[in-house]
Amino acid sequence: MKTYQDLEKLIARVEKATSLVYRYNENAGDIEFVNEEEIIAFHDYPREDGNGSDYDKICSEIEDYFKVLL
């Protein structure tokens, strides 16, 4: 089971591999990677028990999207 620390490490890898910068959009509940030209957003999925985020699902989506670069 992945944790917030796993997400932080993944965010750092994405930022290093791309020109994108991480930000959290509280209004939409999205994890975003942005630059001047684009915004790539991933939903912050809640765990099934309602306690926190489903980091397995979030990390999996981010890894799948950036798989060529990571």
PDB file of N, CA and C in Angstrom:
ATOM      1  N   MET A   1       0.840  -1.177   0.000  1.00  0.00           N
ATOM      2  CA  MET A   1       0.000   0.000   0.000  1.00  0.00           C
ATOM      3  C   MET A   1       0.888   1.245   0.000  1.00  0.00           C
ATOM      4  N   LYS A   2       0.640   2.131  -0.959  1.00  0.00           N
ATOM      5  CA  LYS A   2       1.450   3.349  -1.082  1.00  0.00           C
ATOM      6  C   LYS A   2       0.992   4.394  -0.080  1.00  0.00           C
ATOM      7  N   THR A   3       1.932   5.276   0.267  1.00  0.00           N
ATOM      8  CA  THR A   3       1.686   6.321   1.250  1.00  0.00           C
ATOM      9  C   THR A   3       1.902   7.695   0.615  1.00  0.00           C
ATOM     10  N   TYR A   4       1.660   8.718   1.406  1.00  0.00           N
ATOM     11  CA  TYR A   4       1.892  10.084   0.937  1.00  0.00           C
ATOM     12  C   TYR A   4       3.368  10.281   0.580  1.00  0.00           C
ATOM     13  N   GLN A   5       4.262   9.625   1.301  1.00  0.00           N
ATOM     14  CA  GLN A   5       5.693   9.742   1.005  1.00  0.00           C
ATOM     15  C   GLN A   5       6.006   9.171  -0.383  1.00  0.00           C
ATOM     16  N   ASP A   6       5.327   8.094  -0.769  1.00  0.00           N
ATOM     17  CA  ASP A   6       5.492   7.541  -2.116  1.00  0.00           C
ATOM     18  C   ASP A   6       5.030   8.548  -3.167  1.00  0.00           C
ATOM     19  N   LEU A   7       3.918   9.220  -2.898  1.00  0.00           N
ATOM     20  CA  LEU A   7       3.420  10.246  -3.813  1.00  0.00           C
ATOM     21  C   LEU A   7       4.415  11.394  -3.916  1.00  0.00           C
ATOM     22  N   GLU A   8       4.984  11.819  -2.799  1.00  0.00           N
ATOM     23  CA  GLU A   8       5.972  12.895  -2.815  1.00  0.00           C
ATOM     24  C   GLU A   8       7.183  12.522  -3.670  1.00  0.00           C
ATOM     25  N   LYS A   9       7.653  11.299  -3.548  1.00  0.00           N
ATOM     26  CA  LYS A   9       8.796  10.836  -4.345  1.00  0.00           C
ATOM     27  C   LYS A   9       8.441  10.816  -5.830  1.00  0.00           C
ATOM     28  N   LEU A  10       7.234  10.369  -6.146  1.00  0.00           N
ATOM     29  CA  LEU A  10       6.776  10.338  -7.531  1.00  0.00           C
ATOM     30  C   LEU A  10       6.662  11.751  -8.099  1.00  0.00           C
ATOM     31  N   ILE A  11       6.142  12.668  -7.322  1.00  0.00           N
ATOM     32  CA  ILE A  11       6.036  14.069  -7.749  1.00  0.00           C
ATOM     33  C   ILE A  11       7.421  14.611  -8.076  1.00  0.00           C
ATOM     34  N   ALA A  12       8.387  14.349  -7.223  1.00  0.00           N
ATOM     35  CA  ALA A  12       9.761  14.810  -7.452  1.00  0.00           C
ATOM     36  C   ALA A  12      10.331  14.218  -8.736  1.00  0.00           C
ATOM     37  N   ARG A  13      10.052  12.935  -9.009  1.00  0.00           N
ATOM     38  CA  ARG A  13      10.527  12.291 -10.234  1.00  0.00           C
ATOM     39  C   ARG A  13       9.903  12.930 -11.467  1.00  0.00           C
ATOM     40  N   VAL A  14       8.603  13.224 -11.403  1.00  0.00           N
ATOM     41  CA  VAL A  14       7.912  13.850 -12.538  1.00  0.00           C
ATOM     42  C   VAL A  14       8.480  15.244 -12.786  1.00  0.00           C
ATOM     43  N   GLU A  15       8.650  16.016 -11.716  1.00  0.00           N
ATOM     44  CA  GLU A  15       9.192  17.372 -11.876  1.00  0.00           C
ATOM     45  C   GLU A  15      10.593  17.339 -12.481  1.00  0.00           C
ATOM     46  N   LYS A  16      11.408  16.378 -12.058  1.00  0.00           N
ATOM     47  CA  LYS A  16      12.780  16.270 -12.567  1.00  0.00           C
ATOM     48  C   LYS A  16      12.795  15.842 -14.033  1.00  0.00           C
ATOM     49  N   ALA A  17      11.878  14.975 -14.430  1.00  0.00           N
ATOM     50  CA  ALA A  17      11.850  14.434 -15.789  1.00  0.00           C
ATOM     51  C   ALA A  17      11.150  15.347 -16.793  1.00  0.00           C
ATOM     52  N   THR A  18      10.402  16.319 -16.305  1.00  0.00           N
ATOM     53  CA  THR A  18       9.634  17.207 -17.182  1.00  0.00           C
ATOM     54  C   THR A  18       9.894  18.660 -16.791  1.00  0.00           C
ATOM     55  N   SER A  19       9.295  19.561 -17.505  1.00  0.00           N
ATOM     56  CA  SER A  19       9.361  20.981 -17.136  1.00  0.00           C
ATOM     57  C   SER A  19       8.144  21.388 -16.309  1.00  0.00           C
ATOM     58  N   LEU A  20       7.426  20.394 -15.811  1.00  0.00           N
ATOM     59  CA  LEU A  20       6.190  20.649 -15.071  1.00  0.00           C
ATOM     60  C   LEU A  20       6.463  20.846 -13.585  1.00  0.00           C
ATOM     61  N   VAL A  21       5.587  21.618 -12.943  1.00  0.00           N
ATOM     62  CA  VAL A  21       5.674  21.894 -11.512  1.00  0.00           C
ATOM     63  C   VAL A  21       4.385  21.407 -10.850  1.00  0.00           C
ATOM     64  N   TYR A  22       4.536  20.765  -9.705  1.00  0.00           N
ATOM     65  CA  TYR A  22       3.383  20.235  -8.953  1.00  0.00           C
ATOM     66  C   TYR A  22       2.639  21.349  -8.240  1.00  0.00           C
ATOM     67  N   ARG A  23       1.324  21.216  -8.205  1.00  0.00           N
ATOM     68  CA  ARG A  23       0.485  22.038  -7.325  1.00  0.00           C
ATOM     69  C   ARG A  23      -0.783  21.245  -7.023  1.00  0.00           C
ATOM     70  N   TYR A  24      -1.389  21.539  -5.880  1.00  0.00           N
ATOM     71  CA  TYR A  24      -2.642  20.886  -5.508  1.00  0.00           C
ATOM     72  C   TYR A  24      -3.768  21.883  -5.686  1.00  0.00           C
ATOM     73  N   ASN A  25      -4.780  21.527  -6.466  1.00  0.00           N
ATOM     74  CA  ASN A  25      -5.929  22.385  -6.701  1.00  0.00           C
ATOM     75  C   ASN A  25      -7.021  21.987  -5.713  1.00  0.00           C
ATOM     76  N   GLU A  26      -7.140  22.744  -4.631  1.00  0.00           N
ATOM     77  CA  GLU A  26      -8.116  22.416  -3.588  1.00  0.00           C
ATOM     78  C   GLU A  26      -9.548  22.549  -4.067  1.00  0.00           C
ATOM     79  N   ASN A  27      -9.810  23.479  -4.975  1.00  0.00           N
ATOM     80  CA  ASN A  27     -11.175  23.674  -5.469  1.00  0.00           C
ATOM     81  C   ASN A  27     -11.679  22.461  -6.248  1.00  0.00           C
ATOM     82  N   ALA A  28     -10.808  21.867  -7.048  1.00  0.00           N
ATOM     83  CA  ALA A  28     -11.199  20.716  -7.861  1.00  0.00           C
ATOM     84  C   ALA A  28     -10.848  19.389  -7.203  1.00  0.00           C
ATOM     85  N   GLY A  29      -9.993  19.432  -6.182  1.00  0.00           N
ATOM     86  CA  GLY A  29      -9.525  18.198  -5.567  1.00  0.00           C
ATOM     87  C   GLY A  29      -8.597  17.426  -6.485  1.00  0.00           C
ATOM     88  N   ASP A  30      -7.751  18.156  -7.206  1.00  0.00           N
ATOM     89  CA  ASP A  30      -6.870  17.550  -8.193  1.00  0.00           C
ATOM     90  C   ASP A  30      -5.397  17.772  -7.858  1.00  0.00           C
ATOM     91  N   ILE A  31      -4.599  16.803  -8.233  1.00  0.00           N
ATOM     92  CA  ILE A  31      -3.149  16.915  -8.220  1.00  0.00           C
ATOM     93  C   ILE A  31      -2.778  17.365  -9.616  1.00  0.00           C
ATOM     94  N   GLU A  32      -2.085  18.489  -9.727  1.00  0.00           N
ATOM     95  CA  GLU A  32      -1.799  19.046 -11.042  1.00  0.00           C
ATOM     96  C   GLU A  32      -0.297  19.208 -11.261  1.00  0.00           C
ATOM     97  N   PHE A  33       0.084  19.034 -12.509  1.00  0.00           N
ATOM     98  CA  PHE A  33       1.430  19.337 -12.971  1.00  0.00           C
ATOM     99  C   PHE A  33       1.261  20.402 -14.039  1.00  0.00           C
ATOM    100  N   VAL A  34       1.930  21.541 -13.865  1.00  0.00           N
ATOM    101  CA  VAL A  34       1.674  22.689 -14.733  1.00  0.00           C
ATOM    102  C   VAL A  34       2.968  23.306 -15.251  1.00  0.00           C
ATOM    103  N   ASN A  35       2.827  24.012 -16.369  1.00  0.00           N
ATOM    104  CA  ASN A  35       3.828  24.949 -16.864  1.00  0.00           C
ATOM    105  C   ASN A  35       3.052  26.063 -17.554  1.00  0.00           C
ATOM    106  N   GLU A  36       3.731  26.921 -18.290  1.00  0.00           N
ATOM    107  CA  GLU A  36       3.046  28.050 -18.922  1.00  0.00           C
ATOM    108  C   GLU A  36       2.033  27.629 -19.981  1.00  0.00           C
ATOM    109  N   GLU A  37       2.201  26.425 -20.525  1.00  0.00           N
ATOM    110  CA  GLU A  37       1.389  26.004 -21.659  1.00  0.00           C
ATOM    111  C   GLU A  37       0.325  24.965 -21.347  1.00  0.00           C
ATOM    112  N   GLU A  38       0.483  24.222 -20.272  1.00  0.00           N
ATOM    113  CA  GLU A  38      -0.461  23.128 -20.034  1.00  0.00           C
ATOM    114  C   GLU A  38      -0.661  22.837 -18.554  1.00  0.00           C
ATOM    115  N   ILE A  39      -1.763  22.165 -18.295  1.00  0.00           N
ATOM    116  CA  ILE A  39      -2.084  21.651 -16.961  1.00  0.00           C
ATOM    117  C   ILE A  39      -2.477  20.190 -17.139  1.00  0.00           C
ATOM    118  N   ILE A  40      -1.794  19.307 -16.427  1.00  0.00           N
ATOM    119  CA  ILE A  40      -2.130  17.880 -16.439  1.00  0.00           C
ATOM    120  C   ILE A  40      -2.636  17.558 -15.040  1.00  0.00           C
ATOM    121  N   ALA A  41      -3.894  17.143 -14.939  1.00  0.00           N
ATOM    122  CA  ALA A  41      -4.530  16.956 -13.632  1.00  0.00           C
ATOM    123  C   ALA A  41      -4.896  15.494 -13.385  1.00  0.00           C
ATOM    124  N   PHE A  42      -4.751  15.105 -12.123  1.00  0.00           N
ATOM    125  CA  PHE A  42      -5.122  13.766 -11.671  1.00  0.00           C
ATOM    126  C   PHE A  42      -6.012  13.929 -10.445  1.00  0.00           C
ATOM    127  N   HIS A  43      -7.103  13.207 -10.420  1.00  0.00           N
ATOM    128  CA  HIS A  43      -8.048  13.298  -9.308  1.00  0.00           C
ATOM    129  C   HIS A  43      -7.427  12.735  -8.026  1.00  0.00           C
ATOM    130  N   ASP A  44      -7.677  13.387  -6.915  1.00  0.00           N
ATOM    131  CA  ASP A  44      -7.224  12.926  -5.601  1.00  0.00           C
ATOM    132  C   ASP A  44      -8.299  11.985  -5.058  1.00  0.00           C
ATOM    133  N   TYR A  45      -8.179  10.702  -5.395  1.00  0.00           N
ATOM    134  CA  TYR A  45      -9.188   9.716  -5.029  1.00  0.00           C
ATOM    135  C   TYR A  45      -9.184   9.432  -3.527  1.00  0.00           C
ATOM    136  N   PRO A  46     -10.360   9.408  -2.905  1.00  0.00           N
ATOM    137  CA  PRO A  46     -10.423   9.018  -1.488  1.00  0.00           C
ATOM    138  C   PRO A  46     -10.350   7.502  -1.345  1.00  0.00           C
ATOM    139  N   ARG A  47      -9.837   7.061  -0.209  1.00  0.00           N
ATOM    140  CA  ARG A  47      -9.842   5.621   0.075  1.00  0.00           C
ATOM    141  C   ARG A  47     -11.277   5.161   0.266  1.00  0.00           C
ATOM    142  N   GLU A  48     -11.518   3.870   0.049  1.00  0.00           N
ATOM    143  CA  GLU A  48     -12.868   3.323   0.169  1.00  0.00           C
ATOM    144  C   GLU A  48     -13.446   3.483   1.564  1.00  0.00           C
ATOM    145  N   ASP A  49     -12.570   3.449   2.589  1.00  0.00           N
ATOM    146  CA  ASP A  49     -13.059   3.606   3.957  1.00  0.00           C
ATOM    147  C   ASP A  49     -13.259   5.075   4.339  1.00  0.00           C
ATOM    148  N   GLY A  50     -12.925   5.988   3.408  1.00  0.00           N
ATOM    149  CA  GLY A  50     -13.136   7.402   3.646  1.00  0.00           C
ATOM    150  C   GLY A  50     -12.044   8.089   4.453  1.00  0.00           C
ATOM    151  N   ASN A  51     -11.009   7.359   4.820  1.00  0.00           N
ATOM    152  CA  ASN A  51      -9.917   7.924   5.620  1.00  0.00           C
ATOM    153  C   ASN A  51      -8.720   8.248   4.747  1.00  0.00           C
ATOM    154  N   GLY A  52      -8.663   9.458   4.237  1.00  0.00           N
ATOM    155  CA  GLY A  52      -7.513   9.885   3.448  1.00  0.00           C
ATOM    156  C   GLY A  52      -7.629   9.547   1.971  1.00  0.00           C
ATOM    157  N   SER A  53      -6.487   9.658   1.305  1.00  0.00           N
ATOM    158  CA  SER A  53      -6.424   9.462  -0.141  1.00  0.00           C
ATOM    159  C   SER A  53      -5.997   8.041  -0.496  1.00  0.00           C
ATOM    160  N   ASP A  54      -6.433   7.588  -1.667  1.00  0.00           N
ATOM    161  CA  ASP A  54      -6.050   6.280  -2.190  1.00  0.00           C
ATOM    162  C   ASP A  54      -4.767   6.464  -3.004  1.00  0.00           C
ATOM    163  N   TYR A  55      -3.620   6.426  -2.317  1.00  0.00           N
ATOM    164  CA  TYR A  55      -2.344   6.691  -2.963  1.00  0.00           C
ATOM    165  C   TYR A  55      -1.966   5.623  -3.979  1.00  0.00           C
ATOM    166  N   ASP A  56      -2.429   4.403  -3.807  1.00  0.00           N
ATOM    167  CA  ASP A  56      -2.182   3.367  -4.806  1.00  0.00           C
ATOM    168  C   ASP A  56      -2.773   3.776  -6.158  1.00  0.00           C
ATOM    169  N   LYS A  57      -4.016   4.212  -6.134  1.00  0.00           N
ATOM    170  CA  LYS A  57      -4.714   4.591  -7.364  1.00  0.00           C
ATOM    171  C   LYS A  57      -4.127   5.868  -7.966  1.00  0.00           C
ATOM    172  N   ILE A  58      -3.846   6.848  -7.119  1.00  0.00           N
ATOM    173  CA  ILE A  58      -3.307   8.120  -7.595  1.00  0.00           C
ATOM    174  C   ILE A  58      -1.935   7.907  -8.233  1.00  0.00           C
ATOM    175  N   CYS A  59      -1.043   7.213  -7.526  1.00  0.00           N
ATOM    176  CA  CYS A  59       0.307   6.967  -8.037  1.00  0.00           C
ATOM    177  C   CYS A  59       0.268   6.139  -9.321  1.00  0.00           C
ATOM    178  N   SER A  60      -0.610   5.167  -9.368  1.00  0.00           N
ATOM    179  CA  SER A  60      -0.734   4.329 -10.551  1.00  0.00           C
ATOM    180  C   SER A  60      -1.123   5.156 -11.774  1.00  0.00           C
ATOM    181  N   GLU A  61      -2.058   6.058 -11.631  1.00  0.00           N
ATOM    182  CA  GLU A  61      -2.486   6.897 -12.752  1.00  0.00           C
ATOM    183  C   GLU A  61      -1.359   7.818 -13.210  1.00  0.00           C
ATOM    184  N   ILE A  62      -0.655   8.407 -12.255  1.00  0.00           N
ATOM    185  CA  ILE A  62       0.447   9.314 -12.598  1.00  0.00           C
ATOM    186  C   ILE A  62       1.571   8.538 -13.287  1.00  0.00           C
ATOM    187  N   GLU A  63       1.937   7.382 -12.731  1.00  0.00           N
ATOM    188  CA  GLU A  63       2.986   6.553 -13.332  1.00  0.00           C
ATOM    189  C   GLU A  63       2.600   6.102 -14.732  1.00  0.00           C
ATOM    190  N   ASP A  64       1.354   5.733 -14.937  1.00  0.00           N
ATOM    191  CA  ASP A  64       0.893   5.290 -16.240  1.00  0.00           C
ATOM    192  C   ASP A  64       0.961   6.428 -17.259  1.00  0.00           C
ATOM    193  N   TYR A  65       0.564   7.626 -16.850  1.00  0.00           N
ATOM    194  CA  TYR A  65       0.568   8.774 -17.771  1.00  0.00           C
ATOM    195  C   TYR A  65       2.002   9.145 -18.175  1.00  0.00           C
ATOM    196  N   PHE A  66       2.909   9.152 -17.215  1.00  0.00           N
ATOM    197  CA  PHE A  66       4.283   9.577 -17.472  1.00  0.00           C
ATOM    198  C   PHE A  66       5.249   8.412 -17.696  1.00  0.00           C
ATOM    199  N   LYS A  67       4.747   7.211 -17.969  1.00  0.00           N
ATOM    200  CA  LYS A  67       5.584   6.008 -18.019  1.00  0.00           C
ATOM    201  C   LYS A  67       6.755   6.118 -18.989  1.00  0.00           C
ATOM    202  N   VAL A  68       6.612   6.812 -20.083  1.00  0.00           N
ATOM    203  CA  VAL A  68       7.693   6.947 -21.045  1.00  0.00           C
ATOM    204  C   VAL A  68       8.823   7.810 -20.474  1.00  0.00           C
ATOM    205  N   LEU A  69       8.477   8.776 -19.648  1.00  0.00           N
ATOM    206  CA  LEU A  69       9.464   9.714 -19.113  1.00  0.00           C
ATOM    207  C   LEU A  69      10.120   9.263 -17.822  1.00  0.00           C
ATOM    208  N   LEU A  70       9.459   8.366 -17.089  1.00  0.00           N
ATOM    209  CA  LEU A  70       9.989   7.976 -15.778  1.00  0.00           C
ATOM    210  C   LEU A  70      10.866   6.773 -15.863  1.00  0.00           C
TER     211      LEU A  70
END
